Amino acid sequence: MGVNGRAQAAPAAVAAPAKLNIRLRVTGRRPDGYHELVSIMVPIDLTDRIEVRPASEGIELACTGRPVPGGEENLARRAARAFLERAGVPQGVSIRLHKRIPVAAGLGGGSSDAAATLLAMERIWPGRLGREALFRTAVGLGADVPFFLSAVPAVATGIGEVLENLDYWPELWYVLVNPPVEVSTAWAYGQLRIQLTTRENDYINRCLSPKDFSVAELLENDLERVTETRFPVVTHLKQALMDAGAIGALMTGSGPTVFGVFGTESEARAAERELISQELGDVFVATNWVGERRTLREWSA
C-alpha cells in the first residue's frame, strides 16, 4: 500500500535521447532577449535513462554515469517539481538518472531528461495534468524540452518550442566527437553578432524533398562561428570528420560537440576507430532514434 493506505502507483522508466541540430539559423531577437530561430532537430540513439518511483514526499534524485549537477539546477528535478505542483499530486518521487549524454555539449541532454521525467510521471499519474498543461510545463522548463516529448525529426521555430514533424528523414549514421570543454548556451547566444537570416522555411522545404534530399546542403549553424572563435578545436574536429569520410560535418547547438554524417554504419564505425586513435575527445556512433514516443500533434494545443 502507498500513501494514506492507497495502492502505490507503479514506477516508470523512459529513455532520454540526445538531439542533433542539423541546421540552426537565427531569424530574430525578441524584446525579452530570447532569439527566434529555425532549426532542423533530429533525435539520436545516444540516450540517458530516467526511472521515476512514487514516494511519500519530497524529490530524491540519484545520478549514475557521467557527473551531473543534482541540485535545483538539474532539469529532471525541476520537471518533477513542476509536475507535482501543477497536477496537485500529494506525493513525492524518487528519480534515478543514468547519464550517458555529455553535459553542456549542445546535445540537449538536460532538456531530454526533463521531458523523460514528465513522460514517466504522466505514466504514473495518467491524466492528472492533461496534454496541453504538460506541453506548457515543458515550455516553461526550456525551449528544447517540448521537442523531446515527441523526439521525432522536426523543424523547430519560435524560440524552439513551435514544432512541425518532418514527413521525411532518411536513415543516417552520425559520428559525434565531444572535446573536453563545456559551452554555455546563454554565453553563445550572448556573443552572437550576425545578420539575421530570412526565408529559411523556403530553403528548408526545398532541401527536404525526398527526391532531391542532400543533408550536406542543410548543414549550417549560426552559433558555430561564435563557439569556434573561442574554441578552435571545433574547426579541427570538423576537418577530422571530413578526413574520416563524412558526407558533411557540423557543430550541434551551442557546441562544442561536432558530428559527421555517414550513409552506412560500416562507414561510421571506420571513422569512429580513426577518430578514437587521434584522442580528440569522447567519440560516439549513433543513428536516428526510434523510441516509444507520442506524436507532436498529441502534445501541442
C-alpha atoms as a PDB file:
ATOM      1  CA  MET A   1       0.000   0.000   0.000  1.00  0.00           C
ATOM      2  CA  GLY A   2       1.126   3.568  -0.595  1.00  0.00           C
ATOM      3  CA  VAL A   3       0.453   6.932   0.946  1.00  0.00           C
ATOM      4  CA  ASN A   4      -2.617   7.098   3.246  1.00  0.00           C
ATOM      5  CA  GLY A   5      -3.404   3.478   2.583  1.00  0.00           C
ATOM      6  CA  ARG A   6      -3.784   3.896  -1.171  1.00  0.00           C
ATOM      7  CA  ALA A   7      -2.316   1.431  -3.648  1.00  0.00           C
ATOM      8  CA  GLN A   8       1.123   2.600  -4.664  1.00  0.00           C
ATOM      9  CA  ALA A   9       1.484   3.552  -8.345  1.00  0.00           C
ATOM     10  CA  ALA A  10       3.997   1.526 -10.352  1.00  0.00           C
ATOM     11  CA  PRO A  11       7.377   3.051 -11.283  1.00  0.00           C
ATOM     12  CA  ALA A  12       8.061   4.176 -14.860  1.00  0.00           C
ATOM     13  CA  ALA A  13      11.269   4.205 -16.882  1.00  0.00           C
ATOM     14  CA  VAL A  14      11.851   6.299 -20.005  1.00  0.00           C
ATOM     15  CA  ALA A  15      14.851   6.612 -22.320  1.00  0.00           C
ATOM     16  CA  ALA A  16      16.003  10.187 -22.974  1.00  0.00           C
ATOM     17  CA  PRO A  17      17.662  10.606 -26.402  1.00  0.00           C
ATOM     18  CA  ALA A  18      20.163  13.272 -27.397  1.00  0.00           C
ATOM     19  CA  LYS A  19      19.496  15.525 -30.384  1.00  0.00           C
ATOM     20  CA  LEU A  20      21.466  16.981 -33.251  1.00  0.00           C
ATOM     21  CA  ASN A  21      20.804  20.346 -34.838  1.00  0.00           C
ATOM     22  CA  ILE A  22      21.178  19.516 -38.500  1.00  0.00           C
ATOM     23  CA  ARG A  23      20.528  23.174 -39.208  1.00  0.00           C
ATOM     24  CA  LEU A  24      20.263  26.143 -36.840  1.00  0.00           C
ATOM     25  CA  ARG A  25      19.620  29.616 -38.219  1.00  0.00           C
ATOM     26  CA  VAL A  26      18.781  32.617 -36.041  1.00  0.00           C
ATOM     27  CA  THR A  27      15.932  34.654 -37.517  1.00  0.00           C
ATOM     28  CA  GLY A  28      15.295  37.382 -34.946  1.00  0.00           C
ATOM     29  CA  ARG A  29      15.568  38.596 -31.379  1.00  0.00           C
ATOM     30  CA  ARG A  30      12.561  39.198 -29.162  1.00  0.00           C
ATOM     31  CA  PRO A  31      12.147  42.093 -26.720  1.00  0.00           C
ATOM     32  CA  ASP A  32      12.607  39.662 -23.805  1.00  0.00           C
ATOM     33  CA  GLY A  33      16.098  38.816 -25.096  1.00  0.00           C
ATOM     34  CA  TYR A  34      15.316  35.365 -26.469  1.00  0.00           C
ATOM     35  CA  HIS A  35      16.407  34.617 -30.016  1.00  0.00           C
ATOM     36  CA  GLU A  36      13.983  33.248 -32.557  1.00  0.00           C
ATOM     37  CA  LEU A  37      15.296  30.512 -34.795  1.00  0.00           C
ATOM     38  CA  VAL A  38      14.609  27.911 -37.445  1.00  0.00           C
ATOM     39  CA  SER A  39      16.228  24.578 -36.715  1.00  0.00           C
ATOM     40  CA  ILE A  40      16.053  21.032 -38.004  1.00  0.00           C
ATOM     41  CA  MET A  41      16.293  18.806 -34.939  1.00  0.00           C
ATOM     42  CA  VAL A  42      16.853  15.061 -35.102  1.00  0.00           C
ATOM     43  CA  PRO A  43      16.848  12.710 -32.082  1.00  0.00           C
ATOM     44  CA  ILE A  44      19.616  10.093 -31.953  1.00  0.00           C
ATOM     45  CA  ASP A  45      20.050   6.870 -30.038  1.00  0.00           C
ATOM     46  CA  LEU A  46      22.659   8.179 -27.616  1.00  0.00           C
ATOM     47  CA  THR A  47      20.450   8.105 -24.533  1.00  0.00           C
ATOM     48  CA  ASP A  48      20.167   8.772 -20.829  1.00  0.00           C
ATOM     49  CA  ARG A  49      17.724   6.715 -18.773  1.00  0.00           C
ATOM     50  CA  ILE A  50      15.224   8.094 -16.288  1.00  0.00           C
ATOM     51  CA  GLU A  51      13.378   5.930 -13.761  1.00  0.00           C
ATOM     52  CA  VAL A  52      10.746   7.535 -11.561  1.00  0.00           C
ATOM     53  CA  ARG A  53       9.147   5.904  -8.499  1.00  0.00           C
ATOM     54  CA  PRO A  54       6.390   7.397  -6.354  1.00  0.00           C
ATOM     55  CA  ALA A  55       7.498   8.355  -2.850  1.00  0.00           C
ATOM     56  CA  SER A  56       5.725   9.591   0.244  1.00  0.00           C
ATOM     57  CA  GLU A  57       7.089  13.120  -0.048  1.00  0.00           C
ATOM     58  CA  GLY A  58       9.857  15.258  -1.473  1.00  0.00           C
ATOM     59  CA  ILE A  59      12.027  14.744  -4.564  1.00  0.00           C
ATOM     60  CA  GLU A  60      15.038  12.463  -4.374  1.00  0.00           C
ATOM     61  CA  LEU A  61      17.471  12.375  -7.304  1.00  0.00           C
ATOM     62  CA  ALA A  62      20.253   9.803  -7.647  1.00  0.00           C
ATOM     63  CA  CYS A  63      22.645  10.039 -10.617  1.00  0.00           C
ATOM     64  CA  THR A  64      24.996   7.459 -12.094  1.00  0.00           C
ATOM     65  CA  GLY A  65      27.248   7.565 -15.134  1.00  0.00           C
ATOM     66  CA  ARG A  66      28.575  10.979 -16.141  1.00  0.00           C
ATOM     67  CA  PRO A  67      28.772  13.632 -13.406  1.00  0.00           C
ATOM     68  CA  VAL A  68      25.775  15.948 -13.436  1.00  0.00           C
ATOM     69  CA  PRO A  69      24.509  18.616 -11.009  1.00  0.00           C
ATOM     70  CA  GLY A  70      21.981  17.089  -8.651  1.00  0.00           C
ATOM     71  CA  GLY A  71      20.525  20.222  -7.050  1.00  0.00           C
ATOM     72  CA  GLU A  72      17.702  22.509  -8.103  1.00  0.00           C
ATOM     73  CA  GLU A  73      19.566  23.372 -11.307  1.00  0.00           C
ATOM     74  CA  ASN A  74      19.001  19.801 -12.528  1.00  0.00           C
ATOM     75  CA  LEU A  75      16.208  19.870 -15.109  1.00  0.00           C
ATOM     76  CA  ALA A  76      14.882  16.425 -14.194  1.00  0.00           C
ATOM     77  CA  ARG A  77      14.381  17.576 -10.610  1.00  0.00           C
ATOM     78  CA  ARG A  78      12.750  20.807 -11.784  1.00  0.00           C
ATOM     79  CA  ALA A  79      10.467  18.855 -14.132  1.00  0.00           C
ATOM     80  CA  ALA A  80       9.348  16.577 -11.317  1.00  0.00           C
ATOM     81  CA  ARG A  81       8.610  19.520  -9.030  1.00  0.00           C
ATOM     82  CA  ALA A  82       6.643  21.322 -11.750  1.00  0.00           C
ATOM     83  CA  PHE A  83       4.556  18.217 -12.480  1.00  0.00           C
ATOM     84  CA  LEU A  84       3.739  17.557  -8.812  1.00  0.00           C
ATOM     85  CA  GLU A  85       2.768  21.171  -8.180  1.00  0.00           C
ATOM     86  CA  ARG A  86       0.705  21.687 -11.318  1.00  0.00           C
ATOM     87  CA  ALA A  87      -1.010  18.293 -11.153  1.00  0.00           C
ATOM     88  CA  GLY A  88      -1.751  18.628  -7.451  1.00  0.00           C
ATOM     89  CA  VAL A  89      -0.218  15.258  -6.636  1.00  0.00           C
ATOM     90  CA  PRO A  90       0.114  14.991  -2.814  1.00  0.00           C
ATOM     91  CA  GLN A  91       3.192  12.760  -3.037  1.00  0.00           C
ATOM     92  CA  GLY A  92       6.857  12.890  -3.887  1.00  0.00           C
ATOM     93  CA  VAL A  93       9.075  10.971  -6.280  1.00  0.00           C
ATOM     94  CA  SER A  94      12.390   9.187  -6.343  1.00  0.00           C
ATOM     95  CA  ILE A  95      14.314   9.682  -9.595  1.00  0.00           C
ATOM     96  CA  ARG A  96      17.226   7.617 -10.838  1.00  0.00           C
ATOM     97  CA  LEU A  97      19.145   9.181 -13.716  1.00  0.00           C
ATOM     98  CA  HIS A  98      21.776   7.217 -15.605  1.00  0.00           C
ATOM     99  CA  LYS A  99      23.747   9.799 -17.581  1.00  0.00           C
ATOM    100  CA  ARG A 100      25.448   8.951 -20.877  1.00  0.00           C
ATOM    101  CA  ILE A 101      24.900  12.176 -22.830  1.00  0.00           C
ATOM    102  CA  PRO A 102      27.732  14.700 -22.264  1.00  0.00           C
ATOM    103  CA  VAL A 103      26.788  17.792 -20.269  1.00  0.00           C
ATOM    104  CA  ALA A 104      26.928  21.339 -21.746  1.00  0.00           C
ATOM    105  CA  ALA A 105      27.706  19.777 -25.106  1.00  0.00           C
ATOM    106  CA  GLY A 106      24.967  21.042 -27.444  1.00  0.00           C
ATOM    107  CA  LEU A 107      23.158  17.680 -27.363  1.00  0.00           C
ATOM    108  CA  GLY A 108      20.123  18.670 -25.292  1.00  0.00           C
ATOM    109  CA  GLY A 109      20.712  16.093 -22.581  1.00  0.00           C
ATOM    110  CA  GLY A 110      19.262  18.132 -19.732  1.00  0.00           C
ATOM    111  CA  SER A 111      16.170  19.050 -21.729  1.00  0.00           C
ATOM    112  CA  SER A 112      15.699  15.415 -22.734  1.00  0.00           C
ATOM    113  CA  ASP A 113      15.975  14.315 -19.096  1.00  0.00           C
ATOM    114  CA  ALA A 114      13.286  16.845 -18.180  1.00  0.00           C
ATOM    115  CA  ALA A 115      10.940  15.597 -20.900  1.00  0.00           C
ATOM    116  CA  ALA A 116      11.573  11.974 -19.921  1.00  0.00           C
ATOM    117  CA  THR A 117      10.737  12.824 -16.315  1.00  0.00           C
ATOM    118  CA  LEU A 118       7.465  14.446 -17.375  1.00  0.00           C
ATOM    119  CA  LEU A 119       6.603  11.426 -19.521  1.00  0.00           C
ATOM    120  CA  ALA A 120       7.411   8.994 -16.733  1.00  0.00           C
ATOM    121  CA  MET A 121       5.263  10.917 -14.265  1.00  0.00           C
ATOM    122  CA  GLU A 122       2.429  11.127 -16.782  1.00  0.00           C
ATOM    123  CA  ARG A 123       2.544   7.334 -16.994  1.00  0.00           C
ATOM    124  CA  ILE A 124       2.443   7.010 -13.218  1.00  0.00           C
ATOM    125  CA  TRP A 125      -0.411   9.528 -12.846  1.00  0.00           C
ATOM    126  CA  PRO A 126      -2.169   9.445 -16.247  1.00  0.00           C
ATOM    127  CA  GLY A 127      -4.454  12.344 -16.979  1.00  0.00           C
ATOM    128  CA  ARG A 128      -3.614  14.281 -13.819  1.00  0.00           C
ATOM    129  CA  LEU A 129      -2.070  17.140 -15.769  1.00  0.00           C
ATOM    130  CA  GLY A 130      -3.538  16.848 -19.273  1.00  0.00           C
ATOM    131  CA  ARG A 131      -1.698  17.121 -22.561  1.00  0.00           C
ATOM    132  CA  GLU A 132      -1.937  20.893 -23.010  1.00  0.00           C
ATOM    133  CA  ALA A 133      -0.805  21.608 -19.450  1.00  0.00           C
ATOM    134  CA  LEU A 134       2.018  19.095 -19.832  1.00  0.00           C
ATOM    135  CA  PHE A 135       3.163  20.779 -23.022  1.00  0.00           C
ATOM    136  CA  ARG A 136       3.066  24.205 -21.333  1.00  0.00           C
ATOM    137  CA  THR A 137       5.021  22.773 -18.420  1.00  0.00           C
ATOM    138  CA  ALA A 138       7.664  21.558 -20.867  1.00  0.00           C
ATOM    139  CA  VAL A 139       7.911  25.005 -22.480  1.00  0.00           C
ATOM    140  CA  GLY A 140       8.367  26.577 -19.055  1.00  0.00           C
ATOM    141  CA  LEU A 141      11.321  24.303 -18.335  1.00  0.00           C
ATOM    142  CA  GLY A 142      13.242  25.170 -21.513  1.00  0.00           C
ATOM    143  CA  ALA A 143      12.829  25.777 -25.211  1.00  0.00           C
ATOM    144  CA  ASP A 144      14.119  22.311 -26.220  1.00  0.00           C
ATOM    145  CA  VAL A 145      12.025  20.327 -23.730  1.00  0.00           C
ATOM    146  CA  PRO A 146       8.832  20.182 -25.865  1.00  0.00           C
ATOM    147  CA  PHE A 147      10.818  18.633 -28.729  1.00  0.00           C
ATOM    148  CA  PHE A 148      11.810  15.728 -26.501  1.00  0.00           C
ATOM    149  CA  LEU A 149       8.222  14.950 -25.527  1.00  0.00           C
ATOM    150  CA  SER A 150       7.909  13.518 -29.019  1.00  0.00           C
ATOM    151  CA  ALA A 151      11.546  13.050 -30.024  1.00  0.00           C
ATOM    152  CA  VAL A 152      10.895  12.761 -33.751  1.00  0.00           C
ATOM    153  CA  PRO A 153      12.673  14.699 -36.534  1.00  0.00           C
ATOM    154  CA  ALA A 154      11.109  18.150 -36.664  1.00  0.00           C
ATOM    155  CA  VAL A 155      11.536  21.733 -37.735  1.00  0.00           C
ATOM    156  CA  ALA A 156      11.594  23.991 -34.670  1.00  0.00           C
ATOM    157  CA  THR A 157      10.698  27.665 -34.883  1.00  0.00           C
ATOM    158  CA  GLY A 158       9.881  30.407 -32.390  1.00  0.00           C
ATOM    159  CA  ILE A 159      12.448  30.019 -29.601  1.00  0.00           C
ATOM    160  CA  GLY A 160      12.426  26.305 -30.394  1.00  0.00           C
ATOM    161  CA  GLU A 161       9.037  25.426 -28.939  1.00  0.00           C
ATOM    162  CA  VAL A 162       6.966  25.600 -32.156  1.00  0.00           C
ATOM    163  CA  LEU A 163       7.401  22.217 -33.796  1.00  0.00           C
ATOM    164  CA  GLU A 164       6.413  20.600 -37.063  1.00  0.00           C
ATOM    165  CA  ASN A 165       7.064  16.930 -37.744  1.00  0.00           C
ATOM    166  CA  LEU A 166       9.166  16.117 -40.796  1.00  0.00           C
ATOM    167  CA  ASP A 167       7.378  13.811 -43.198  1.00  0.00           C
ATOM    168  CA  TYR A 168      10.726  12.509 -44.444  1.00  0.00           C
ATOM    169  CA  TRP A 169      14.067  11.935 -42.793  1.00  0.00           C
ATOM    170  CA  PRO A 170      16.421   9.249 -44.164  1.00  0.00           C
ATOM    171  CA  GLU A 171      18.266   6.625 -42.168  1.00  0.00           C
ATOM    172  CA  LEU A 172      21.662   8.141 -41.469  1.00  0.00           C
ATOM    173  CA  TRP A 173      24.579   7.440 -39.169  1.00  0.00           C
ATOM    174  CA  TYR A 174      26.418  10.030 -37.115  1.00  0.00           C
ATOM    175  CA  VAL A 175      29.837  10.115 -35.500  1.00  0.00           C
ATOM    176  CA  LEU A 176      29.998  12.590 -32.628  1.00  0.00           C
ATOM    177  CA  VAL A 177      33.162  13.976 -31.057  1.00  0.00           C
ATOM    178  CA  ASN A 178      32.817  15.791 -27.747  1.00  0.00           C
ATOM    179  CA  PRO A 179      36.033  17.625 -26.814  1.00  0.00           C
ATOM    180  CA  PRO A 180      36.913  18.213 -23.139  1.00  0.00           C
ATOM    181  CA  VAL A 181      35.394  21.711 -22.916  1.00  0.00           C
ATOM    182  CA  GLU A 182      31.920  22.922 -21.929  1.00  0.00           C
ATOM    183  CA  VAL A 183      29.972  25.708 -23.627  1.00  0.00           C
ATOM    184  CA  SER A 184      27.164  27.724 -22.049  1.00  0.00           C
ATOM    185  CA  THR A 185      24.179  28.147 -24.361  1.00  0.00           C
ATOM    186  CA  ALA A 186      23.455  31.562 -22.827  1.00  0.00           C
ATOM    187  CA  TRP A 187      27.044  32.647 -23.484  1.00  0.00           C
ATOM    188  CA  ALA A 188      26.916  31.511 -27.117  1.00  0.00           C
ATOM    189  CA  TYR A 189      23.706  33.397 -27.864  1.00  0.00           C
ATOM    190  CA  GLY A 190      25.030  36.415 -25.980  1.00  0.00           C
ATOM    191  CA  GLN A 191      28.063  36.532 -28.285  1.00  0.00           C
ATOM    192  CA  LEU A 192      26.023  36.225 -31.462  1.00  0.00           C
ATOM    193  CA  ARG A 193      26.661  39.104 -33.842  1.00  0.00           C
ATOM    194  CA  ILE A 194      25.277  38.203 -37.253  1.00  0.00           C
ATOM    195  CA  GLN A 195      22.930  39.491 -39.880  1.00  0.00           C
ATOM    196  CA  LEU A 196      19.662  37.727 -39.134  1.00  0.00           C
ATOM    197  CA  THR A 197      18.537  35.376 -41.843  1.00  0.00           C
ATOM    198  CA  THR A 198      15.213  35.292 -43.658  1.00  0.00           C
ATOM    199  CA  ARG A 199      13.352  32.869 -45.989  1.00  0.00           C
ATOM    200  CA  GLU A 200      14.690  29.854 -44.079  1.00  0.00           C
ATOM    201  CA  ASN A 201      11.468  27.895 -44.426  1.00  0.00           C
ATOM    202  CA  ASP A 202      11.562  28.098 -48.220  1.00  0.00           C
ATOM    203  CA  TYR A 203      15.154  26.860 -48.296  1.00  0.00           C
ATOM    204  CA  ILE A 204      14.487  24.001 -45.884  1.00  0.00           C
ATOM    205  CA  ASN A 205      11.408  22.861 -47.775  1.00  0.00           C
ATOM    206  CA  ARG A 206      13.414  22.665 -50.996  1.00  0.00           C
ATOM    207  CA  CYS A 207      16.246  20.723 -49.364  1.00  0.00           C
ATOM    208  CA  LEU A 208      13.964  18.253 -47.576  1.00  0.00           C
ATOM    209  CA  SER A 209      12.333  16.955 -50.742  1.00  0.00           C
ATOM    210  CA  PRO A 210      12.888  13.155 -50.787  1.00  0.00           C
ATOM    211  CA  LYS A 211      13.692  13.357 -54.496  1.00  0.00           C
ATOM    212  CA  ASP A 212      16.425  15.980 -54.100  1.00  0.00           C
ATOM    213  CA  PHE A 213      17.449  15.403 -50.475  1.00  0.00           C
ATOM    214  CA  SER A 214      21.015  16.414 -49.631  1.00  0.00           C
ATOM    215  CA  VAL A 215      21.997  16.535 -45.978  1.00  0.00           C
ATOM    216  CA  ALA A 216      25.228  18.358 -46.836  1.00  0.00           C
ATOM    217  CA  GLU A 217      23.224  21.347 -48.147  1.00  0.00           C
ATOM    218  CA  LEU A 218      21.308  21.566 -44.864  1.00  0.00           C
ATOM    219  CA  LEU A 219      24.326  21.625 -42.537  1.00  0.00           C
ATOM    220  CA  GLU A 220      24.638  25.146 -41.154  1.00  0.00           C
ATOM    221  CA  ASN A 221      24.736  26.544 -37.622  1.00  0.00           C
ATOM    222  CA  ASP A 222      24.884  30.252 -36.843  1.00  0.00           C
ATOM    223  CA  LEU A 223      26.299  29.517 -33.370  1.00  0.00           C
ATOM    224  CA  GLU A 224      29.229  27.589 -34.790  1.00  0.00           C
ATOM    225  CA  ARG A 225      31.182  30.687 -35.781  1.00  0.00           C
ATOM    226  CA  VAL A 226      30.748  32.046 -32.237  1.00  0.00           C
ATOM    227  CA  THR A 227      31.932  28.907 -30.455  1.00  0.00           C
ATOM    228  CA  GLU A 228      34.814  28.103 -32.799  1.00  0.00           C
ATOM    229  CA  THR A 229      36.251  31.600 -32.278  1.00  0.00           C
ATOM    230  CA  ARG A 230      36.763  30.812 -28.606  1.00  0.00           C
ATOM    231  CA  PHE A 231      37.307  27.083 -29.056  1.00  0.00           C
ATOM    232  CA  PRO A 232      39.268  26.460 -32.302  1.00  0.00           C
ATOM    233  CA  VAL A 233      39.039  22.723 -31.606  1.00  0.00           C
ATOM    234  CA  VAL A 234      35.598  22.888 -33.254  1.00  0.00           C
ATOM    235  CA  THR A 235      37.189  23.723 -36.618  1.00  0.00           C
ATOM    236  CA  HIS A 236      39.765  20.986 -36.129  1.00  0.00           C
ATOM    237  CA  LEU A 237      37.083  18.395 -35.334  1.00  0.00           C
ATOM    238  CA  LYS A 238      35.081  19.272 -38.424  1.00  0.00           C
ATOM    239  CA  GLN A 239      38.128  18.738 -40.608  1.00  0.00           C
ATOM    240  CA  ALA A 240      38.985  15.479 -38.848  1.00  0.00           C
ATOM    241  CA  LEU A 241      35.484  14.155 -39.514  1.00  0.00           C
ATOM    242  CA  MET A 242      35.628  15.164 -43.165  1.00  0.00           C
ATOM    243  CA  ASP A 243      39.033  13.495 -43.495  1.00  0.00           C
ATOM    244  CA  ALA A 244      37.459  10.367 -41.994  1.00  0.00           C
ATOM    245  CA  GLY A 245      34.906  10.242 -44.799  1.00  0.00           C
ATOM    246  CA  ALA A 246      31.899  12.204 -43.530  1.00  0.00           C
ATOM    247  CA  ILE A 247      29.349  13.490 -46.032  1.00  0.00           C
ATOM    248  CA  GLY A 248      29.392  16.713 -44.033  1.00  0.00           C
ATOM    249  CA  ALA A 249      30.253  17.887 -40.530  1.00  0.00           C
ATOM    250  CA  LEU A 250      28.764  20.490 -38.197  1.00  0.00           C
ATOM    251  CA  MET A 251      28.725  21.625 -34.592  1.00  0.00           C
ATOM    252  CA  THR A 252      25.395  20.899 -32.871  1.00  0.00           C
ATOM    253  CA  GLY A 253      23.595  23.504 -30.767  1.00  0.00           C
ATOM    254  CA  SER A 254      25.956  25.825 -28.964  1.00  0.00           C
ATOM    255  CA  GLY A 255      28.593  23.089 -29.029  1.00  0.00           C
ATOM    256  CA  PRO A 256      31.246  22.074 -28.546  1.00  0.00           C
ATOM    257  CA  THR A 257      30.178  18.640 -29.848  1.00  0.00           C
ATOM    258  CA  VAL A 258      30.782  18.211 -33.574  1.00  0.00           C
ATOM    259  CA  PHE A 259      29.180  15.477 -35.653  1.00  0.00           C
ATOM    260  CA  GLY A 260      29.824  13.977 -39.048  1.00  0.00           C
ATOM    261  CA  VAL A 261      27.115  12.399 -41.201  1.00  0.00           C
ATOM    262  CA  PHE A 262      27.626   8.978 -42.800  1.00  0.00           C
ATOM    263  CA  GLY A 263      25.491   6.893 -45.110  1.00  0.00           C
ATOM    264  CA  THR A 264      26.173   3.478 -43.546  1.00  0.00           C
ATOM    265  CA  GLU A 265      27.065   2.024 -40.163  1.00  0.00           C
ATOM    266  CA  SER A 266      30.256   0.456 -41.518  1.00  0.00           C
ATOM    267  CA  GLU A 267      31.493   3.857 -42.711  1.00  0.00           C
ATOM    268  CA  ALA A 268      30.634   5.397 -39.344  1.00  0.00           C
ATOM    269  CA  ARG A 269      32.424   2.635 -37.419  1.00  0.00           C
ATOM    270  CA  ALA A 270      35.542   3.031 -39.535  1.00  0.00           C
ATOM    271  CA  ALA A 271      35.532   6.778 -38.849  1.00  0.00           C
ATOM    272  CA  GLU A 272      34.992   6.095 -35.134  1.00  0.00           C
ATOM    273  CA  ARG A 273      38.144   3.973 -34.993  1.00  0.00           C
ATOM    274  CA  GLU A 274      40.148   6.656 -36.792  1.00  0.00           C
ATOM    275  CA  LEU A 275      38.917   9.441 -34.510  1.00  0.00           C
ATOM    276  CA  ILE A 276      39.460   7.475 -31.312  1.00  0.00           C
ATOM    277  CA  SER A 277      43.082   6.955 -32.366  1.00  0.00           C
ATOM    278  CA  GLN A 278      43.511  10.746 -32.610  1.00  0.00           C
ATOM    279  CA  GLU A 279      42.424  11.269 -28.967  1.00  0.00           C
ATOM    280  CA  LEU A 280      40.338  14.339 -29.773  1.00  0.00           C
ATOM    281  CA  GLY A 281      37.664  13.714 -27.139  1.00  0.00           C
ATOM    282  CA  ASP A 282      34.846  11.296 -26.438  1.00  0.00           C
ATOM    283  CA  VAL A 283      33.622   9.625 -29.631  1.00  0.00           C
ATOM    284  CA  PHE A 284      30.123   8.205 -30.137  1.00  0.00           C
ATOM    285  CA  VAL A 285      28.395   6.478 -33.024  1.00  0.00           C
ATOM    286  CA  ALA A 286      24.635   6.970 -33.288  1.00  0.00           C
ATOM    287  CA  THR A 287      21.766   6.668 -35.702  1.00  0.00           C
ATOM    288  CA  ASN A 288      18.221   8.034 -35.777  1.00  0.00           C
ATOM    289  CA  TRP A 289      16.304   7.467 -32.538  1.00  0.00           C
ATOM    290  CA  VAL A 290      13.190   5.357 -32.863  1.00  0.00           C
ATOM    291  CA  GLY A 291      11.516   5.031 -29.496  1.00  0.00           C
ATOM    292  CA  GLU A 292       8.209   4.954 -27.731  1.00  0.00           C
ATOM    293  CA  ARG A 293       7.041   8.497 -28.175  1.00  0.00           C
ATOM    294  CA  ARG A 294       3.781  10.318 -28.847  1.00  0.00           C
ATOM    295  CA  THR A 295       3.375  12.451 -31.936  1.00  0.00           C
ATOM    296  CA  LEU A 296       3.709  16.202 -31.685  1.00  0.00           C
ATOM    297  CA  ARG A 297       0.045  16.608 -32.545  1.00  0.00           C
ATOM    298  CA  GLU A 298      -0.893  14.795 -29.346  1.00  0.00           C
ATOM    299  CA  TRP A 299       1.186  17.171 -27.206  1.00  0.00           C
ATOM    300  CA  SER A 300       0.694  20.588 -28.713  1.00  0.00           C
ATOM    301  CA  ALA A 301      -2.515  22.528 -28.429  1.00  0.00           C
END
